[in-house]
Amino acid sequence: MIQKTHMSQEEAVKFAATQWWVGKNAAEILDVQLFEDRLVMPFELYHEAVEEVLGRPVQTIELADPFLTVLQHEYITKMLNTPHDDMRMG
């Protein structure tokens, strides 16, 4: 479930320390990180997940405001137009 969150710095650090992304596929990672204001995982893994799910190269500048809103829209559109099982593989 996609939900925009606003963790404090302390909450984000604690959450990242759990390594919540381990064992998650790219779409599951984006469900959390793409809609979180603070980075709560290694940037490189986040960037790879975005590119995998969107199926295209993503420049790092796209992961920052104001471009991030465009990526969020692209991700939601892709999720709505892709069969659930196909998106969650992998």
PDB file of N, CA and C in Angstrom:
ATOM      1  N   MET A   1       0.839  -1.182   0.000  1.00  0.00           N
ATOM      2  CA  MET A   1       0.000   0.000   0.000  1.00  0.00           C
ATOM      3  C   MET A   1       0.882   1.242   0.000  1.00  0.00           C
ATOM      4  N   ILE A   2       0.590   2.154  -0.880  1.00  0.00           N
ATOM      5  CA  ILE A   2       1.366   3.378  -1.002  1.00  0.00           C
ATOM      6  C   ILE A   2       0.835   4.402  -0.025  1.00  0.00           C
ATOM      7  N   GLN A   3       1.757   4.961   0.752  1.00  0.00           N
ATOM      8  CA  GLN A   3       1.353   5.976   1.719  1.00  0.00           C
ATOM      9  C   GLN A   3       2.495   6.955   1.909  1.00  0.00           C
ATOM     10  N   LYS A   4       2.214   8.226   1.707  1.00  0.00           N
ATOM     11  CA  LYS A   4       3.213   9.271   1.922  1.00  0.00           C
ATOM     12  C   LYS A   4       3.473   9.393   3.412  1.00  0.00           C
ATOM     13  N   THR A   5       4.731   9.368   3.786  1.00  0.00           N
ATOM     14  CA  THR A   5       5.077   9.480   5.201  1.00  0.00           C
ATOM     15  C   THR A   5       6.021  10.653   5.422  1.00  0.00           C
ATOM     16  N   HIS A   6       6.082  11.075   6.639  1.00  0.00           N
ATOM     17  CA  HIS A   6       6.938  12.204   7.022  1.00  0.00           C
ATOM     18  C   HIS A   6       7.661  11.838   8.317  1.00  0.00           C
ATOM     19  N   MET A   7       8.624  10.937   8.213  1.00  0.00           N
ATOM     20  CA  MET A   7       9.381  10.534   9.398  1.00  0.00           C
ATOM     21  C   MET A   7      10.295  11.665   9.832  1.00  0.00           C
ATOM     22  N   SER A   8      10.509  11.730  11.126  1.00  0.00           N
ATOM     23  CA  SER A   8      11.534  12.639  11.638  1.00  0.00           C
ATOM     24  C   SER A   8      12.888  12.039  11.285  1.00  0.00           C
ATOM     25  N   GLN A   9      13.935  12.814  11.432  1.00  0.00           N
ATOM     26  CA  GLN A   9      15.277  12.288  11.161  1.00  0.00           C
ATOM     27  C   GLN A   9      15.560  11.093  12.065  1.00  0.00           C
ATOM     28  N   GLU A  10      15.208  11.203  13.322  1.00  0.00           N
ATOM     29  CA  GLU A  10      15.440  10.113  14.270  1.00  0.00           C
ATOM     30  C   GLU A  10      14.667   8.854  13.863  1.00  0.00           C
ATOM     31  N   GLU A  11      13.410   9.014  13.488  1.00  0.00           N
ATOM     32  CA  GLU A  11      12.607   7.871  13.052  1.00  0.00           C
ATOM     33  C   GLU A  11      13.192   7.231  11.795  1.00  0.00           C
ATOM     34  N   ALA A  12      13.638   8.054  10.849  1.00  0.00           N
ATOM     35  CA  ALA A  12      14.213   7.545   9.605  1.00  0.00           C
ATOM     36  C   ALA A  12      15.499   6.761   9.867  1.00  0.00           C
ATOM     37  N   VAL A  13      16.335   7.261  10.751  1.00  0.00           N
ATOM     38  CA  VAL A  13      17.576   6.563  11.091  1.00  0.00           C
ATOM     39  C   VAL A  13      17.270   5.213  11.736  1.00  0.00           C
ATOM     40  N   LYS A  14      16.327   5.194  12.665  1.00  0.00           N
ATOM     41  CA  LYS A  14      15.938   3.938  13.321  1.00  0.00           C
ATOM     42  C   LYS A  14      15.342   2.952  12.322  1.00  0.00           C
ATOM     43  N   PHE A  15      14.482   3.454  11.446  1.00  0.00           N
ATOM     44  CA  PHE A  15      13.858   2.591  10.449  1.00  0.00           C
ATOM     45  C   PHE A  15      14.904   2.021   9.499  1.00  0.00           C
ATOM     46  N   ALA A  16      15.838   2.846   9.034  1.00  0.00           N
ATOM     47  CA  ALA A  16      16.897   2.383   8.138  1.00  0.00           C
ATOM     48  C   ALA A  16      17.775   1.330   8.815  1.00  0.00           C
ATOM     49  N   ALA A  17      17.990   1.466  10.109  1.00  0.00           N
ATOM     50  CA  ALA A  17      18.816   0.505  10.853  1.00  0.00           C
ATOM     51  C   ALA A  17      18.208  -0.896  10.864  1.00  0.00           C
ATOM     52  N   THR A  18      16.903  -1.000  10.624  1.00  0.00           N
ATOM     53  CA  THR A  18      16.258  -2.319  10.580  1.00  0.00           C
ATOM     54  C   THR A  18      16.535  -3.048   9.276  1.00  0.00           C
ATOM     55  N   GLN A  19      17.094  -2.353   8.299  1.00  0.00           N
ATOM     56  CA  GLN A  19      17.326  -2.893   6.960  1.00  0.00           C
ATOM     57  C   GLN A  19      16.043  -3.498   6.389  1.00  0.00           C
ATOM     58  N   TRP A  20      14.984  -2.754   6.475  1.00  0.00           N
ATOM     59  CA  TRP A  20      13.654  -3.191   6.062  1.00  0.00           C
ATOM     60  C   TRP A  20      13.594  -3.639   4.605  1.00  0.00           C
ATOM     61  N   TRP A  21      14.493  -3.179   3.759  1.00  0.00           N
ATOM     62  CA  TRP A  21      14.487  -3.461   2.334  1.00  0.00           C
ATOM     63  C   TRP A  21      14.992  -4.858   1.999  1.00  0.00           C
ATOM     64  N   VAL A  22      15.706  -5.495   2.933  1.00  0.00           N
ATOM     65  CA  VAL A  22      16.265  -6.829   2.676  1.00  0.00           C
ATOM     66  C   VAL A  22      15.120  -7.814   2.442  1.00  0.00           C
ATOM     67  N   GLY A  23      15.193  -8.532   1.341  1.00  0.00           N
ATOM     68  CA  GLY A  23      14.166  -9.505   1.005  1.00  0.00           C
ATOM     69  C   GLY A  23      12.963  -8.922   0.281  1.00  0.00           C
ATOM     70  N   LYS A  24      12.968  -7.618   0.039  1.00  0.00           N
ATOM     71  CA  LYS A  24      11.857  -6.966  -0.659  1.00  0.00           C
ATOM     72  C   LYS A  24      12.182  -6.860  -2.150  1.00  0.00           C
ATOM     73  N   ASN A  25      11.161  -6.933  -2.977  1.00  0.00           N
ATOM     74  CA  ASN A  25      11.401  -6.716  -4.401  1.00  0.00           C
ATOM     75  C   ASN A  25      11.368  -5.213  -4.684  1.00  0.00           C
ATOM     76  N   ALA A  26      11.673  -4.858  -5.919  1.00  0.00           N
ATOM     77  CA  ALA A  26      11.796  -3.439  -6.276  1.00  0.00           C
ATOM     78  C   ALA A  26      10.503  -2.658  -6.041  1.00  0.00           C
ATOM     79  N   ALA A  27       9.366  -3.239  -6.397  1.00  0.00           N
ATOM     80  CA  ALA A  27       8.095  -2.532  -6.205  1.00  0.00           C
ATOM     81  C   ALA A  27       7.800  -2.324  -4.727  1.00  0.00           C
ATOM     82  N   GLU A  28       8.093  -3.303  -3.902  1.00  0.00           N
ATOM     83  CA  GLU A  28       7.878  -3.163  -2.459  1.00  0.00           C
ATOM     84  C   GLU A  28       8.772  -2.079  -1.878  1.00  0.00           C
ATOM     85  N   ILE A  29       9.985  -1.983  -2.388  1.00  0.00           N
ATOM     86  CA  ILE A  29      10.909  -0.933  -1.942  1.00  0.00           C
ATOM     87  C   ILE A  29      10.338   0.447  -2.295  1.00  0.00           C
ATOM     88  N   LEU A  30       9.833   0.572  -3.525  1.00  0.00           N
ATOM     89  CA  LEU A  30       9.298   1.872  -3.935  1.00  0.00           C
ATOM     90  C   LEU A  30       8.036   2.239  -3.177  1.00  0.00           C
ATOM     91  N   ASP A  31       7.235   1.254  -2.811  1.00  0.00           N
ATOM     92  CA  ASP A  31       6.032   1.544  -2.025  1.00  0.00           C
ATOM     93  C   ASP A  31       6.378   2.323  -0.763  1.00  0.00           C
ATOM     94  N   VAL A  32       7.563   2.085  -0.243  1.00  0.00           N
ATOM     95  CA  VAL A  32       8.004   2.769   0.977  1.00  0.00           C
ATOM     96  C   VAL A  32       8.845   3.998   0.638  1.00  0.00           C
ATOM     97  N   GLN A  33       9.976   3.783  -0.036  1.00  0.00           N
ATOM     98  CA  GLN A  33      10.948   4.869  -0.188  1.00  0.00           C
ATOM     99  C   GLN A  33      10.507   5.978  -1.123  1.00  0.00           C
ATOM    100  N   LEU A  34       9.816   5.657  -2.198  1.00  0.00           N
ATOM    101  CA  LEU A  34       9.434   6.693  -3.157  1.00  0.00           C
ATOM    102  C   LEU A  34       8.483   7.717  -2.549  1.00  0.00           C
ATOM    103  N   PHE A  35       7.801   7.322  -1.486  1.00  0.00           N
ATOM    104  CA  PHE A  35       6.814   8.219  -0.877  1.00  0.00           C
ATOM    105  C   PHE A  35       7.223   8.675   0.524  1.00  0.00           C
ATOM    106  N   GLU A  36       8.469   8.445   0.876  1.00  0.00           N
ATOM    107  CA  GLU A  36       9.017   8.897   2.155  1.00  0.00           C
ATOM    108  C   GLU A  36       9.902  10.113   1.890  1.00  0.00           C
ATOM    109  N   ASP A  37       9.734  11.155   2.677  1.00  0.00           N
ATOM    110  CA  ASP A  37      10.520  12.378   2.481  1.00  0.00           C
ATOM    111  C   ASP A  37      12.011  12.188   2.745  1.00  0.00           C
ATOM    112  N   ARG A  38      12.354  11.294   3.648  1.00  0.00           N
ATOM    113  CA  ARG A  38      13.758  11.078   4.010  1.00  0.00           C
ATOM    114  C   ARG A  38      14.240   9.744   3.448  1.00  0.00           C
ATOM    115  N   LEU A  39      15.518   9.679   3.116  1.00  0.00           N
ATOM    116  CA  LEU A  39      16.107   8.439   2.629  1.00  0.00           C
ATOM    117  C   LEU A  39      16.214   7.456   3.785  1.00  0.00           C
ATOM    118  N   VAL A  40      15.607   6.284   3.622  1.00  0.00           N
ATOM    119  CA  VAL A  40      15.603   5.287   4.701  1.00  0.00           C
ATOM    120  C   VAL A  40      16.215   3.966   4.235  1.00  0.00           C
ATOM    121  N   MET A  41      17.128   4.063   3.270  1.00  0.00           N
ATOM    122  CA  MET A  41      17.822   2.886   2.747  1.00  0.00           C
ATOM    123  C   MET A  41      19.033   3.376   1.961  1.00  0.00           C
ATOM    124  N   PRO A  42      19.935   2.472   1.570  1.00  0.00           N
ATOM    125  CA  PRO A  42      21.070   2.904   0.744  1.00  0.00           C
ATOM    126  C   PRO A  42      20.579   3.485  -0.589  1.00  0.00           C
ATOM    127  N   PHE A  43      21.109   4.634  -0.933  1.00  0.00           N
ATOM    128  CA  PHE A  43      20.670   5.330  -2.141  1.00  0.00           C
ATOM    129  C   PHE A  43      20.819   4.461  -3.385  1.00  0.00           C
ATOM    130  N   GLU A  44      21.924   3.741  -3.499  1.00  0.00           N
ATOM    131  CA  GLU A  44      22.183   2.941  -4.694  1.00  0.00           C
ATOM    132  C   GLU A  44      21.087   1.900  -4.906  1.00  0.00           C
ATOM    133  N   LEU A  45      20.646   1.259  -3.835  1.00  0.00           N
ATOM    134  CA  LEU A  45      19.583   0.253  -3.942  1.00  0.00           C
ATOM    135  C   LEU A  45      18.252   0.900  -4.328  1.00  0.00           C
ATOM    136  N   TYR A  46      17.990   2.057  -3.786  1.00  0.00           N
ATOM    137  CA  TYR A  46      16.782   2.814  -4.127  1.00  0.00           C
ATOM    138  C   TYR A  46      16.787   3.163  -5.613  1.00  0.00           C
ATOM    139  N   HIS A  47      17.895   3.693  -6.091  1.00  0.00           N
ATOM    140  CA  HIS A  47      18.027   4.082  -7.489  1.00  0.00           C
ATOM    141  C   HIS A  47      17.821   2.878  -8.403  1.00  0.00           C
ATOM    142  N   GLU A  48      18.432   1.749  -8.064  1.00  0.00           N
ATOM    143  CA  GLU A  48      18.262   0.522  -8.851  1.00  0.00           C
ATOM    144  C   GLU A  48      16.804   0.073  -8.873  1.00  0.00           C
ATOM    145  N   ALA A  49      16.132   0.162  -7.745  1.00  0.00           N
ATOM    146  CA  ALA A  49      14.728  -0.249  -7.665  1.00  0.00           C
ATOM    147  C   ALA A  49      13.849   0.628  -8.561  1.00  0.00           C
ATOM    148  N   VAL A  50      14.096   1.931  -8.564  1.00  0.00           N
ATOM    149  CA  VAL A  50      13.323   2.842  -9.407  1.00  0.00           C
ATOM    150  C   VAL A  50      13.506   2.475 -10.875  1.00  0.00           C
ATOM    151  N   GLU A  51      14.747   2.266 -11.284  1.00  0.00           N
ATOM    152  CA  GLU A  51      15.010   1.929 -12.680  1.00  0.00           C
ATOM    153  C   GLU A  51      14.389   0.586 -13.057  1.00  0.00           C
ATOM    154  N   GLU A  52      14.453  -0.390 -12.157  1.00  0.00           N
ATOM    155  CA  GLU A  52      13.877  -1.703 -12.439  1.00  0.00           C
ATOM    156  C   GLU A  52      12.364  -1.619 -12.624  1.00  0.00           C
ATOM    157  N   VAL A  53      11.698  -0.944 -11.734  1.00  0.00           N
ATOM    158  CA  VAL A  53      10.236  -0.868 -11.801  1.00  0.00           C
ATOM    159  C   VAL A  53       9.772  -0.027 -12.992  1.00  0.00           C
ATOM    160  N   LEU A  54      10.415   1.092 -13.223  1.00  0.00           N
ATOM    161  CA  LEU A  54       9.988   1.960 -14.322  1.00  0.00           C
ATOM    162  C   LEU A  54      10.465   1.463 -15.675  1.00  0.00           C
ATOM    163  N   GLY A  55      11.456   0.570 -15.669  1.00  0.00           N
ATOM    164  CA  GLY A  55      11.936  -0.011 -16.915  1.00  0.00           C
ATOM    165  C   GLY A  55      12.692   0.965 -17.795  1.00  0.00           C
ATOM    166  N   ARG A  56      13.352   1.913 -17.159  1.00  0.00           N
ATOM    167  CA  ARG A  56      14.118   2.908 -17.914  1.00  0.00           C
ATOM    168  C   ARG A  56      15.224   3.471 -17.031  1.00  0.00           C
ATOM    169  N   PRO A  57      16.258   4.053 -17.656  1.00  0.00           N
ATOM    170  CA  PRO A  57      17.272   4.734 -16.863  1.00  0.00           C
ATOM    171  C   PRO A  57      16.659   5.945 -16.166  1.00  0.00           C
ATOM    172  N   VAL A  58      17.070   6.173 -14.943  1.00  0.00           N
ATOM    173  CA  VAL A  58      16.574   7.310 -14.163  1.00  0.00           C
ATOM    174  C   VAL A  58      17.778   8.115 -13.692  1.00  0.00           C
ATOM    175  N   GLN A  59      17.815   9.385 -14.063  1.00  0.00           N
ATOM    176  CA  GLN A  59      18.896  10.250 -13.614  1.00  0.00           C
ATOM    177  C   GLN A  59      18.692  10.573 -12.140  1.00  0.00           C
ATOM    178  N   THR A  60      19.774  10.711 -11.407  1.00  0.00           N
ATOM    179  CA  THR A  60      19.661  10.968  -9.976  1.00  0.00           C
ATOM    180  C   THR A  60      18.888  12.251  -9.675  1.00  0.00           C
ATOM    181  N   ILE A  61      18.956  13.233 -10.554  1.00  0.00           N
ATOM    182  CA  ILE A  61      18.217  14.478 -10.315  1.00  0.00           C
ATOM    183  C   ILE A  61      16.706  14.223 -10.291  1.00  0.00           C
ATOM    184  N   GLU A  62      16.246  13.168 -10.950  1.00  0.00           N
ATOM    185  CA  GLU A  62      14.815  12.843 -10.956  1.00  0.00           C
ATOM    186  C   GLU A  62      14.331  12.380  -9.584  1.00  0.00           C
ATOM    187  N   LEU A  63      15.257  12.008  -8.721  1.00  0.00           N
ATOM    188  CA  LEU A  63      14.901  11.519  -7.394  1.00  0.00           C
ATOM    189  C   LEU A  63      14.804  12.643  -6.369  1.00  0.00           C
ATOM    190  N   ALA A  64      14.898  13.875  -6.838  1.00  0.00           N
ATOM    191  CA  ALA A  64      14.807  15.042  -5.949  1.00  0.00           C
ATOM    192  C   ALA A  64      13.625  15.912  -6.371  1.00  0.00           C
ATOM    193  N   ASP A  65      13.125  16.694  -5.433  1.00  0.00           N
ATOM    194  CA  ASP A  65      12.062  17.639  -5.764  1.00  0.00           C
ATOM    195  C   ASP A  65      12.602  18.641  -6.770  1.00  0.00           C
ATOM    196  N   PRO A  66      11.819  19.125  -7.701  1.00  0.00           N
ATOM    197  CA  PRO A  66      10.404  18.871  -7.960  1.00  0.00           C
ATOM    198  C   PRO A  66      10.163  17.669  -8.866  1.00  0.00           C
ATOM    199  N   PHE A  67      11.233  17.042  -9.370  1.00  0.00           N
ATOM    200  CA  PHE A  67      11.100  15.931 -10.302  1.00  0.00           C
ATOM    201  C   PHE A  67      10.497  14.684  -9.655  1.00  0.00           C
ATOM    202  N   LEU A  68      10.654  14.554  -8.353  1.00  0.00           N
ATOM    203  CA  LEU A  68      10.170  13.378  -7.646  1.00  0.00           C
ATOM    204  C   LEU A  68       8.666  13.185  -7.825  1.00  0.00           C
ATOM    205  N   THR A  69       7.924  14.259  -7.863  1.00  0.00           N
ATOM    206  CA  THR A  69       6.471  14.162  -8.057  1.00  0.00           C
ATOM    207  C   THR A  69       6.155  13.500  -9.395  1.00  0.00           C
ATOM    208  N   VAL A  70       6.935  13.779 -10.418  1.00  0.00           N
ATOM    209  CA  VAL A  70       6.744  13.160 -11.728  1.00  0.00           C
ATOM    210  C   VAL A  70       7.013  11.663 -11.629  1.00  0.00           C
ATOM    211  N   LEU A  71       8.084  11.278 -10.943  1.00  0.00           N
ATOM    212  CA  LEU A  71       8.382   9.849 -10.754  1.00  0.00           C
ATOM    213  C   LEU A  71       7.277   9.150  -9.975  1.00  0.00           C
ATOM    214  N   GLN A  72       6.771   9.789  -8.951  1.00  0.00           N
ATOM    215  CA  GLN A  72       5.688   9.199  -8.169  1.00  0.00           C
ATOM    216  C   GLN A  72       4.468   8.970  -9.056  1.00  0.00           C
ATOM    217  N   HIS A  73       4.146   9.933  -9.882  1.00  0.00           N
ATOM    218  CA  HIS A  73       3.012   9.796 -10.796  1.00  0.00           C
ATOM    219  C   HIS A  73       3.263   8.662 -11.791  1.00  0.00           C
ATOM    220  N   GLU A  74       4.462   8.608 -12.344  1.00  0.00           N
ATOM    221  CA  GLU A  74       4.810   7.550 -13.298  1.00  0.00           C
ATOM    222  C   GLU A  74       4.697   6.170 -12.643  1.00  0.00           C
ATOM    223  N   TYR A  75       5.164   6.066 -11.410  1.00  0.00           N
ATOM    224  CA  TYR A  75       5.092   4.800 -10.675  1.00  0.00           C
ATOM    225  C   TYR A  75       3.641   4.395 -10.415  1.00  0.00           C
ATOM    226  N   ILE A  76       2.831   5.313  -9.929  1.00  0.00           N
ATOM    227  CA  ILE A  76       1.431   4.993  -9.640  1.00  0.00           C
ATOM    228  C   ILE A  76       0.707   4.588 -10.921  1.00  0.00           C
ATOM    229  N   THR A  77       0.937   5.307 -12.004  1.00  0.00           N
ATOM    230  CA  THR A  77       0.315   4.970 -13.282  1.00  0.00           C
ATOM    231  C   THR A  77       0.720   3.574 -13.727  1.00  0.00           C
ATOM    232  N   LYS A  78       2.005   3.262 -13.589  1.00  0.00           N
ATOM    233  CA  LYS A  78       2.487   1.931 -13.975  1.00  0.00           C
ATOM    234  C   LYS A  78       1.845   0.856 -13.100  1.00  0.00           C
ATOM    235  N   MET A  79       1.748   1.108 -11.814  1.00  0.00           N
ATOM    236  CA  MET A  79       1.142   0.137 -10.901  1.00  0.00           C
ATOM    237  C   MET A  79      -0.324  -0.098 -11.257  1.00  0.00           C
ATOM    238  N   LEU A  80      -1.041   0.933 -11.632  1.00  0.00           N
ATOM    239  CA  LEU A  80      -2.457   0.806 -11.970  1.00  0.00           C
ATOM    240  C   LEU A  80      -2.680   0.092 -13.303  1.00  0.00           C
ATOM    241  N   ASN A  81      -1.694   0.157 -14.189  1.00  0.00           N
ATOM    242  CA  ASN A  81      -1.832  -0.414 -15.524  1.00  0.00           C
ATOM    243  C   ASN A  81      -1.100  -1.735 -15.723  1.00  0.00           C
ATOM    244  N   THR A  82      -0.511  -2.284 -14.663  1.00  0.00           N
ATOM    245  CA  THR A  82       0.223  -3.535 -14.743  1.00  0.00           C
ATOM    246  C   THR A  82      -0.460  -4.558 -13.850  1.00  0.00           C
ATOM    247  N   PRO A  83      -0.666  -5.774 -14.368  1.00  0.00           N
ATOM    248  CA  PRO A  83      -1.247  -6.806 -13.493  1.00  0.00           C
ATOM    249  C   PRO A  83      -0.419  -6.953 -12.233  1.00  0.00           C
ATOM    250  N   HIS A  84      -1.097  -7.070 -11.110  1.00  0.00           N
ATOM    251  CA  HIS A  84      -0.456  -7.124  -9.796  1.00  0.00           C
ATOM    252  C   HIS A  84       0.675  -8.148  -9.737  1.00  0.00           C
ATOM    253  N   ASP A  85       0.456  -9.355 -10.198  1.00  0.00           N
ATOM    254  CA  ASP A  85       1.472 -10.403 -10.103  1.00  0.00           C
ATOM    255  C   ASP A  85       2.706 -10.086 -10.915  1.00  0.00           C
ATOM    256  N   ASP A  86       2.537  -9.460 -12.098  1.00  0.00           N
ATOM    257  CA  ASP A  86       3.680  -9.104 -12.916  1.00  0.00           C
ATOM    258  C   ASP A  86       4.560  -8.066 -12.231  1.00  0.00           C
ATOM    259  N   MET A  87       3.968  -7.106 -11.540  1.00  0.00           N
ATOM    260  CA  MET A  87       4.714  -6.029 -10.918  1.00  0.00           C
ATOM    261  C   MET A  87       5.464  -6.502  -9.679  1.00  0.00           C
ATOM    262  N   ARG A  88       4.942  -7.467  -8.973  1.00  0.00           N
ATOM    263  CA  ARG A  88       5.538  -7.890  -7.714  1.00  0.00           C
ATOM    264  C   ARG A  88       6.554  -9.011  -7.863  1.00  0.00           C
ATOM    265  N   MET A  89       6.793  -9.469  -9.074  1.00  0.00           N
ATOM    266  CA  MET A  89       7.802 -10.502  -9.263  1.00  0.00           C
ATOM    267  C   MET A  89       9.161  -9.850  -9.112  1.00  0.00           C
ATOM    268  N   GLY A  90      10.052 -10.423  -8.608  1.00  0.00           N
ATOM    269  CA  GLY A  90      11.249  -9.950  -8.539  1.00  0.00           C
ATOM    270  C   GLY A  90      12.334  -9.298  -8.285  1.00  0.00           C
TER     271      GLY A  90
END
